[in-house]
Structure formats: C-alpha cells, structure tokens
N, C-alpha and C. Protein backbone atom coordinates (compact mmCIF):
# COMPACT_ATOMS: atom_id res chain seq x y z
N MET A 1 9.53 -5.37 -10.93
CA MET A 1 10.29 -4.53 -10.70
C MET A 1 9.42 -3.58 -9.53
N ARG A 2 9.34 -3.19 -8.67
CA ARG A 2 8.17 -2.35 -7.85
C ARG A 2 8.60 -0.76 -7.86
N LEU A 3 7.55 -0.27 -7.67
CA LEU A 3 7.30 0.77 -7.79
C LEU A 3 8.08 1.81 -7.14
N THR A 4 8.47 1.32 -6.05
CA THR A 4 9.08 1.75 -4.66
C THR A 4 10.83 2.31 -5.56
N THR A 5 11.05 1.77 -6.63
CA THR A 5 12.59 1.53 -7.00
C THR A 5 12.48 2.71 -8.18
N LEU A 6 11.22 3.27 -8.60
CA LEU A 6 10.87 4.29 -9.68
C LEU A 6 10.90 5.65 -9.42
N ASN A 7 12.07 6.05 -8.22
CA ASN A 7 11.52 7.61 -7.22
C ASN A 7 10.12 7.96 -7.32
N PRO A 8 9.00 7.19 -7.21
CA PRO A 8 7.89 8.32 -6.83
C PRO A 8 7.24 9.14 -6.17
N GLU A 9 6.54 9.56 -6.41
CA GLU A 9 5.99 11.43 -5.82
C GLU A 9 4.88 11.31 -5.72
N TYR A 10 4.09 11.49 -4.49
CA TYR A 10 2.66 11.70 -4.64
C TYR A 10 2.97 13.18 -5.29
N LYS A 11 1.83 13.45 -5.70
CA LYS A 11 1.18 14.88 -6.08
C LYS A 11 -0.01 15.46 -6.07
N PRO A 12 0.03 16.42 -4.90
CA PRO A 12 0.47 17.80 -5.19
C PRO A 12 1.58 17.42 -3.93
N ALA A 13 2.94 17.87 -4.10
CA ALA A 13 3.96 17.98 -2.87
C ALA A 13 3.24 18.20 -1.92
N GLY A 14 3.87 17.69 -0.88
CA GLY A 14 3.21 17.70 0.30
C GLY A 14 2.43 16.45 0.90
N ALA A 15 1.62 15.93 0.19
CA ALA A 15 0.95 14.64 0.16
C ALA A 15 2.06 13.53 0.77
N THR A 16 1.73 13.00 1.78
CA THR A 16 2.14 11.97 2.04
C THR A 16 1.79 10.64 1.95
N SER A 17 0.51 10.42 1.59
CA SER A 17 0.25 9.01 1.65
C SER A 17 -1.01 8.62 -0.22
N VAL A 18 -1.08 8.05 -0.32
CA VAL A 18 -2.34 7.56 -1.77
C VAL A 18 -3.52 8.58 -1.32
N PRO A 19 -4.07 8.02 0.13
CA PRO A 19 -5.21 8.94 0.19
C PRO A 19 -5.46 10.35 0.27
N GLU A 20 -4.18 11.38 0.65
CA GLU A 20 -3.87 12.60 0.62
C GLU A 20 -4.11 12.96 -0.82
N ALA A 21 -2.83 12.58 -2.29
CA ALA A 21 -2.46 12.96 -2.94
C ALA A 21 -3.34 12.68 -4.25
N MET A 22 -3.47 13.31 -5.58
CA MET A 22 -4.09 13.63 -6.28
C MET A 22 -3.91 12.84 -7.49
N GLY A 23 -2.66 11.85 -7.27
CA GLY A 23 -2.04 11.30 -8.47
C GLY A 23 -0.45 10.97 -8.03
N LEU A 24 0.15 10.10 -8.82
CA LEU A 24 1.53 9.81 -8.47
C LEU A 24 2.31 10.39 -10.06
N GLN A 25 3.86 10.95 -9.56
CA GLN A 25 4.80 10.53 -10.96
C GLN A 25 5.76 9.90 -10.46
N PHE A 26 6.34 9.08 -11.24
CA PHE A 26 7.29 8.29 -11.08
C PHE A 26 8.20 8.07 -12.11
N ASP A 27 9.01 7.37 -12.14
CA ASP A 27 10.40 7.14 -13.55
C ASP A 27 9.33 6.17 -13.92
N CYS A 28 9.95 6.21 -15.78
CA CYS A 28 9.25 5.10 -16.63
C CYS A 28 10.02 3.76 -16.45
N PRO A 29 8.71 2.88 -16.42
CA PRO A 29 9.75 1.48 -15.74
C PRO A 29 10.52 0.89 -17.08
N GLY A 30 9.79 1.36 -18.38
CA GLY A 30 10.49 0.91 -19.67
C GLY A 30 11.63 1.64 -19.94
N CYS A 31 11.94 2.33 -19.20
CA CYS A 31 13.19 3.61 -19.51
C CYS A 31 14.26 3.52 -18.96
N VAL A 32 14.03 3.56 -17.52
CA VAL A 32 14.52 3.67 -16.74
C VAL A 32 15.95 3.11 -16.45
N GLY A 33 17.07 4.00 -16.28
CA GLY A 33 18.53 3.57 -16.43
C GLY A 33 18.77 3.47 -17.84
N THR A 34 18.17 4.46 -18.74
CA THR A 34 18.39 4.19 -20.06
C THR A 34 18.64 5.87 -20.25
N GLU A 35 19.25 6.13 -21.77
CA GLU A 35 19.29 7.35 -21.89
C GLU A 35 18.05 8.08 -22.38
N ARG A 36 16.98 7.23 -22.25
CA ARG A 36 15.85 7.91 -23.00
C ARG A 36 14.99 7.64 -21.36
N THR A 37 15.32 7.96 -20.28
CA THR A 37 14.36 8.27 -18.86
C THR A 37 13.47 9.29 -18.85
N HIS A 38 12.29 9.09 -18.81
CA HIS A 38 11.28 10.15 -18.37
C HIS A 38 10.35 10.10 -17.22
N ARG A 39 9.75 10.68 -16.81
CA ARG A 39 8.79 10.99 -15.37
C ARG A 39 7.26 10.49 -16.23
N ILE A 40 6.40 9.73 -15.98
CA ILE A 40 5.17 9.26 -15.53
C ILE A 40 4.01 10.15 -14.90
N TRP A 41 2.86 10.89 -15.13
CA TRP A 41 2.21 11.27 -14.45
C TRP A 41 0.91 10.63 -14.53
N THR A 42 0.33 10.05 -13.27
CA THR A 42 -0.71 9.14 -13.24
C THR A 42 -1.74 9.97 -12.16
N PRO A 43 -2.75 10.42 -13.06
CA PRO A 43 -3.92 11.18 -11.90
C PRO A 43 -4.60 10.18 -11.36
N PHE A 44 -5.30 10.64 -10.14
CA PHE A 44 -5.95 9.65 -9.56
C PHE A 44 -7.64 10.10 -10.24
N ALA A 45 -8.61 9.10 -10.27
CA ALA A 45 -9.78 9.36 -11.02
C ALA A 45 -10.65 10.09 -10.05
N ARG A 46 -10.40 10.30 -8.63
CA ARG A 46 -11.40 10.81 -7.82
C ARG A 46 -11.06 12.54 -7.38
N SER A 47 -9.77 12.58 -8.11
CA SER A 47 -9.53 14.11 -7.79
C SER A 47 -8.96 14.61 -8.90
N ASN A 48 -9.72 14.11 -10.39
CA ASN A 48 -9.47 14.16 -11.34
C ASN A 48 -10.57 14.21 -12.47
N GLY A 49 -11.69 14.59 -11.59
CA GLY A 49 -13.02 14.70 -12.55
C GLY A 49 -13.24 13.40 -13.16
N GLY A 50 -12.83 12.29 -12.47
CA GLY A 50 -13.14 10.84 -13.26
C GLY A 50 -11.76 10.38 -13.83
N LYS A 51 -10.93 11.08 -14.35
CA LYS A 51 -10.06 11.11 -15.84
C LYS A 51 -8.96 10.43 -14.62
N GLY A 52 -8.36 9.40 -14.95
CA GLY A 52 -7.40 9.20 -14.30
C GLY A 52 -7.44 7.49 -13.69
N TRP A 53 -7.18 7.28 -13.08
CA TRP A 53 -6.69 5.74 -12.66
C TRP A 53 -7.86 5.57 -10.91
N ALA A 54 -8.32 4.70 -11.02
CA ALA A 54 -9.05 4.58 -9.70
C ALA A 54 -8.14 3.44 -8.82
N GLU A 55 -7.77 3.72 -7.48
CA GLU A 55 -6.91 2.95 -6.92
C GLU A 55 -6.92 2.28 -5.81
N GLN A 56 -6.55 1.03 -5.23
CA GLN A 56 -6.58 0.53 -3.83
C GLN A 56 -5.20 0.62 -3.06
N GLY A 57 -5.43 0.99 -2.14
CA GLY A 57 -4.09 0.63 -1.32
C GLY A 57 -3.59 1.89 -0.61
N THR A 58 -2.36 2.52 0.28
CA THR A 58 -2.38 3.46 0.63
C THR A 58 -1.04 4.16 0.66
N THR A 59 0.04 3.28 0.13
CA THR A 59 1.17 3.99 -0.45
C THR A 59 1.96 3.12 -1.25
N PHE A 60 2.87 3.52 -1.72
CA PHE A 60 3.84 3.38 -2.72
C PHE A 60 4.12 1.78 -2.89
N GLU A 61 4.10 0.74 -1.50
CA GLU A 61 4.22 -0.14 -1.27
C GLU A 61 2.94 -1.52 -1.81
N ASN A 62 2.27 -0.64 -1.57
CA ASN A 62 0.84 -1.50 -1.82
C ASN A 62 -0.05 -0.82 -2.42
N LEU A 63 0.17 0.17 -3.47
CA LEU A 63 -0.58 0.31 -4.42
C LEU A 63 -1.25 -0.62 -5.59
N THR A 64 -2.30 -0.49 -5.99
CA THR A 64 -2.72 -0.97 -7.41
C THR A 64 -3.81 -0.47 -8.02
N PHE A 65 -3.39 -0.26 -8.94
CA PHE A 65 -4.44 0.51 -9.84
C PHE A 65 -5.90 -0.95 -10.29
N VAL A 66 -6.83 -0.25 -9.94
CA VAL A 66 -8.27 -1.13 -10.38
C VAL A 66 -8.89 -0.86 -11.49
N ASP A 67 -9.03 0.36 -11.98
CA ASP A 67 -9.71 0.62 -13.25
C ASP A 67 -8.93 2.05 -13.53
N ALA A 68 -9.41 2.49 -14.83
CA ALA A 68 -9.22 4.00 -16.18
C ALA A 68 -10.35 3.94 -16.67
N PRO A 69 -10.61 5.14 -16.94
CA PRO A 69 -11.68 5.53 -17.63
C PRO A 69 -11.56 4.82 -19.35
N THR A 70 -10.53 4.04 -19.69
CA THR A 70 -10.63 3.22 -20.63
C THR A 70 -11.12 2.12 -20.63
N GLY A 71 -11.22 1.85 -19.50
CA GLY A 71 -12.02 0.16 -18.99
C GLY A 71 -11.03 -0.81 -18.45
N SER A 72 -9.66 -0.03 -18.81
CA SER A 72 -8.26 -1.16 -18.14
C SER A 72 -7.74 -0.32 -16.96
N ARG A 73 -7.14 -1.26 -16.40
CA ARG A 73 -6.26 -0.34 -15.28
C ARG A 73 -4.89 -0.43 -15.66
N SER A 74 -4.56 -0.71 -16.49
CA SER A 74 -3.08 -0.73 -17.50
C SER A 74 -2.47 0.80 -17.77
N VAL A 75 -1.24 0.92 -17.90
CA VAL A 75 -0.89 2.35 -17.94
C VAL A 75 -0.06 2.10 -19.14
N ARG A 76 -0.47 2.74 -20.45
CA ARG A 76 0.26 2.30 -21.46
C ARG A 76 0.75 4.04 -22.44
N VAL A 77 2.24 3.90 -22.05
CA VAL A 77 2.99 5.29 -22.49
C VAL A 77 3.00 5.04 -24.34
N THR A 78 2.68 6.22 -24.38
CA THR A 78 2.82 6.33 -26.18
C THR A 78 3.90 7.70 -26.60
N GLY A 79 4.14 8.18 -27.77
CA GLY A 79 5.01 9.32 -27.83
C GLY A 79 6.15 9.08 -27.41
N TYR A 80 6.70 8.40 -27.17
CA TYR A 80 8.03 7.89 -26.43
C TYR A 80 8.69 6.59 -26.90
N PRO A 81 10.07 6.25 -27.24
CA PRO A 81 10.58 5.47 -27.71
C PRO A 81 10.20 4.00 -27.32
N CYS A 82 9.89 3.87 -25.75
CA CYS A 82 9.84 2.91 -24.92
C CYS A 82 8.41 2.25 -25.31
N HIS A 83 7.60 3.02 -25.27
CA HIS A 83 6.06 1.92 -25.41
C HIS A 83 6.06 1.51 -24.45
N SER A 84 5.80 1.84 -22.80
CA SER A 84 5.57 0.69 -22.10
C SER A 84 4.48 0.84 -22.01
N HIS A 85 4.08 -0.30 -21.31
CA HIS A 85 2.92 -0.59 -21.20
C HIS A 85 2.71 -1.98 -19.96
N PHE A 86 2.06 -1.36 -18.77
CA PHE A 86 2.03 -2.09 -17.83
C PHE A 86 1.21 -1.66 -16.55
N ASN A 87 0.67 -2.55 -15.64
CA ASN A 87 -0.20 -2.24 -14.12
C ASN A 87 0.54 -2.59 -13.22
N ILE A 88 0.06 -1.50 -12.18
CA ILE A 88 0.59 -1.68 -10.66
C ILE A 88 -0.15 -2.36 -10.30
N THR A 89 0.23 -3.73 -9.42
CA THR A 89 -0.34 -4.44 -8.59
C THR A 89 0.60 -4.58 -7.26
N ASN A 90 -0.19 -4.05 -6.10
CA ASN A 90 0.28 -4.41 -4.80
C ASN A 90 1.79 -3.78 -4.53
N GLY A 91 1.99 -2.65 -5.69
CA GLY A 91 3.15 -2.19 -5.38
C GLY A 91 4.25 -2.55 -6.93
N GLU A 92 3.79 -3.65 -7.07
CA GLU A 92 4.73 -4.01 -8.18
C GLU A 92 4.32 -3.83 -9.70
N ILE A 93 5.26 -3.79 -10.60
CA ILE A 93 5.02 -3.12 -12.05
C ILE A 93 5.17 -4.99 -12.68
N ASP A 94 3.92 -4.74 -13.62
CA ASP A 94 3.75 -6.23 -14.02
C ASP A 94 3.31 -5.63 -15.81
N PHE A 95 4.46 -6.06 -17.15
CA PHE A 95 4.63 -5.42 -18.10
C PHE A 95 3.89 -6.41 -18.69
N TYR A 96 3.03 -6.14 -20.08
CA TYR A 96 2.21 -6.35 -20.77
C TYR A 96 3.61 -7.06 -21.89
N GLY A 97 3.29 -8.20 -22.57
CA GLY A 97 4.07 -8.49 -23.93
C GLY A 97 4.32 -7.38 -24.72
N ASP A 98 3.50 -6.74 -24.88
CA ASP A 98 3.99 -5.58 -26.36
C ASP A 98 4.70 -4.38 -25.42
N SER A 99 4.96 -4.57 -24.79
CA SER A 99 5.73 -3.42 -23.86
C SER A 99 7.33 -3.21 -24.21
N HIS A 100 7.93 -2.36 -24.18
CA HIS A 100 9.35 -2.63 -24.20
C HIS A 100 9.97 -1.94 -22.93
N SER A 101 10.20 -3.07 -22.18
CA SER A 101 10.47 -2.97 -20.84
C SER A 101 12.23 -3.67 -20.63
N PRO A 102 13.08 -3.53 -19.51
CA PRO A 102 14.30 -3.59 -19.38
C PRO A 102 14.52 -5.03 -19.43
C-alpha cells in the first residue's frame, strides 16, 4: 500500500512539500475502506519541539520516517479498533505483524 492512496495532506494547509510541512495527515491504512475509517496526524519532530517523526524525502512518493521520540520510526495507532502499526518507507506502508491491516 502506498501513502499516496491514503489521501495524504501536508499540514498546515498551503504547504506543498515535506520540507514546507509541519507534518502529515492521512487515512489510517489499517482502517481505510471500512466503517471505522479515520485520519492519522503525524507531526515532524523538526517543527514540533522534537516531538514527532524525523523524516527523509520531499514528497508523499518518497517519504521515509527515520526516527521518532520513542526511538522507533513506526507509527502505532491505539484507541481505535484497528490497532495499526506500520512504517513509512520510500512512500510505502510496511505493516508490522501485530497490526490489524486490510
């Protein structure tokens, strides 16, 4: 699954690339296409006081999360029935085995 298929948006509105953005918002890859679809906010550490993901790349197509405050580059969603757990690597969503993915 590609990040580009998850309706990604740079935030704040008006940002047109990863270097301009403070973070991303996109459809949860574990819930997309189901009745529990929701959006995920992933702030970038460089624009959020170090709290968020360190990133490489300039677009949705080549974005990679390389680190996060927890020491892991993964995105783990809790509090939703999906319990998605994944990495973003060169624009590709890579699920962990403990993730409820499509």
